[in-house]
Amino acid sequence: MNKTLLEKQYDPTGKPTGRILLIDRWGFKEIKIDQPILSYTASVGAMNDIDREITMSVLLDVDGEHKWINYEAQQVWLVLDRFNEDGNPEAYFAS
């Protein structure tokens, strides 16, 4: 059963879903994450400022199993389907 955004925002398990935004020289891509997000981390791999690649790793709960999924680009955003006190979506940026 799909939950509404309001139901996800107040999910009692505290495991939000969300989306990944990948931005680089060639454009923009948005990837929906429908599994609960348990944790996340970011790392930088760079020869110099021009060639840097950011990796955002997201730990997902996939049918009771935990899986790390990696996303790479020059800029990576993790936008959760829950909101801060000011009403904006909770988001994490790696660049």
Protein backbone atom coordinates (compact mmCIF):
# COMPACT_ATOMS: atom_id res chain seq x y z
CA MET A 1 0.00 0.00 0.00
CA ASN A 2 1.38 3.40 -0.97
CA LYS A 3 1.44 6.02 1.76
CA THR A 4 0.63 9.65 1.19
CA LEU A 5 3.36 12.23 1.75
CA LEU A 6 1.67 13.26 5.01
CA GLU A 7 1.66 9.64 6.24
CA LYS A 8 5.36 9.27 5.36
CA GLN A 9 6.20 12.51 7.15
CA TYR A 10 4.76 11.17 10.41
CA ASP A 11 5.87 7.55 9.93
CA PRO A 12 6.30 6.14 13.48
CA THR A 13 9.27 3.98 12.47
CA GLY A 14 11.27 7.10 11.65
CA LYS A 15 12.45 5.65 8.33
CA PRO A 16 11.68 8.18 5.59
CA THR A 17 11.71 7.61 1.85
CA GLY A 18 12.91 10.30 -0.56
CA ARG A 19 14.81 10.99 -3.73
CA ILE A 20 18.35 11.50 -4.97
CA LEU A 21 19.24 14.45 -7.20
CA LEU A 22 22.37 13.99 -9.33
CA ILE A 23 23.88 17.10 -10.95
CA ASP A 24 26.96 17.21 -13.17
CA ARG A 25 28.30 18.84 -16.33
CA TRP A 26 25.93 16.81 -18.51
CA GLY A 27 22.70 17.59 -16.73
CA PHE A 28 20.35 16.67 -13.93
CA LYS A 29 18.76 13.37 -12.91
CA GLU A 30 16.22 12.59 -10.17
CA ILE A 31 15.93 9.07 -8.72
CA LYS A 32 12.98 8.15 -6.49
CA ILE A 33 13.75 6.02 -3.41
CA ASP A 34 10.68 4.06 -2.30
CA GLN A 35 12.40 1.89 0.33
CA PRO A 36 12.91 3.20 3.89
CA ILE A 37 16.20 5.10 4.28
CA LEU A 38 18.08 3.94 7.37
CA SER A 39 21.29 5.95 7.04
CA TYR A 40 23.49 7.83 4.55
CA THR A 41 27.07 8.97 4.07
CA ALA A 42 29.04 10.94 1.48
CA SER A 43 32.63 10.77 0.24
CA VAL A 44 34.76 12.66 -2.28
CA GLY A 45 37.05 11.11 -4.86
CA ALA A 46 39.09 13.80 -6.61
CA MET A 47 42.21 14.33 -8.66
CA ASN A 48 41.43 18.07 -8.68
CA ASP A 49 38.41 20.38 -8.37
CA ILE A 50 37.34 19.80 -11.98
CA ASP A 51 37.46 15.99 -11.93
CA ARG A 52 35.96 15.40 -8.50
CA GLU A 53 33.22 12.82 -8.08
CA ILE A 54 30.95 12.79 -5.05
CA THR A 55 29.52 9.51 -3.82
CA MET A 56 26.39 9.56 -1.67
CA SER A 57 25.78 6.13 -0.14
CA VAL A 58 22.30 5.40 1.16
CA LEU A 59 21.46 2.45 3.43
CA LEU A 60 18.03 1.07 2.50
CA ASP A 61 15.70 -1.43 4.12
CA VAL A 62 14.79 -3.70 1.19
CA ASP A 63 12.30 -6.34 2.34
CA GLY A 64 13.97 -6.60 5.75
CA GLU A 65 17.52 -6.72 4.33
CA HIS A 66 19.89 -3.76 4.57
CA LYS A 67 21.54 -2.69 1.29
CA TRP A 68 23.96 0.17 0.58
CA ILE A 69 23.27 1.90 -2.74
CA ASN A 70 25.85 4.35 -4.14
CA TYR A 71 25.10 7.39 -6.32
CA GLU A 72 27.92 9.37 -8.03
CA ALA A 73 27.96 12.84 -9.60
CA GLN A 74 29.60 16.24 -9.17
CA GLN A 75 26.78 17.25 -6.81
CA VAL A 76 24.46 14.85 -5.00
CA TRP A 77 21.37 15.78 -2.98
CA LEU A 78 19.40 13.45 -0.73
CA VAL A 79 15.91 14.92 -0.25
CA LEU A 80 13.74 13.14 2.31
CA ASP A 81 9.95 12.92 2.27
CA ARG A 82 9.68 14.66 5.63
CA PHE A 83 9.95 18.29 6.60
CA ASN A 84 11.96 20.56 8.88
CA GLU A 85 10.27 22.86 11.38
CA ASP A 86 10.22 25.66 8.78
CA GLY A 87 8.16 23.52 6.39
CA ASN A 88 10.96 22.83 3.89
CA PRO A 89 11.89 19.27 2.91
CA GLU A 90 14.77 17.80 4.91
CA ALA A 91 17.72 17.61 2.51
CA TYR A 92 21.43 16.76 2.56
CA PHE A 93 23.92 18.10 0.02
CA ALA A 94 27.30 16.73 -1.00
CA SER A 95 29.55 18.69 -3.36
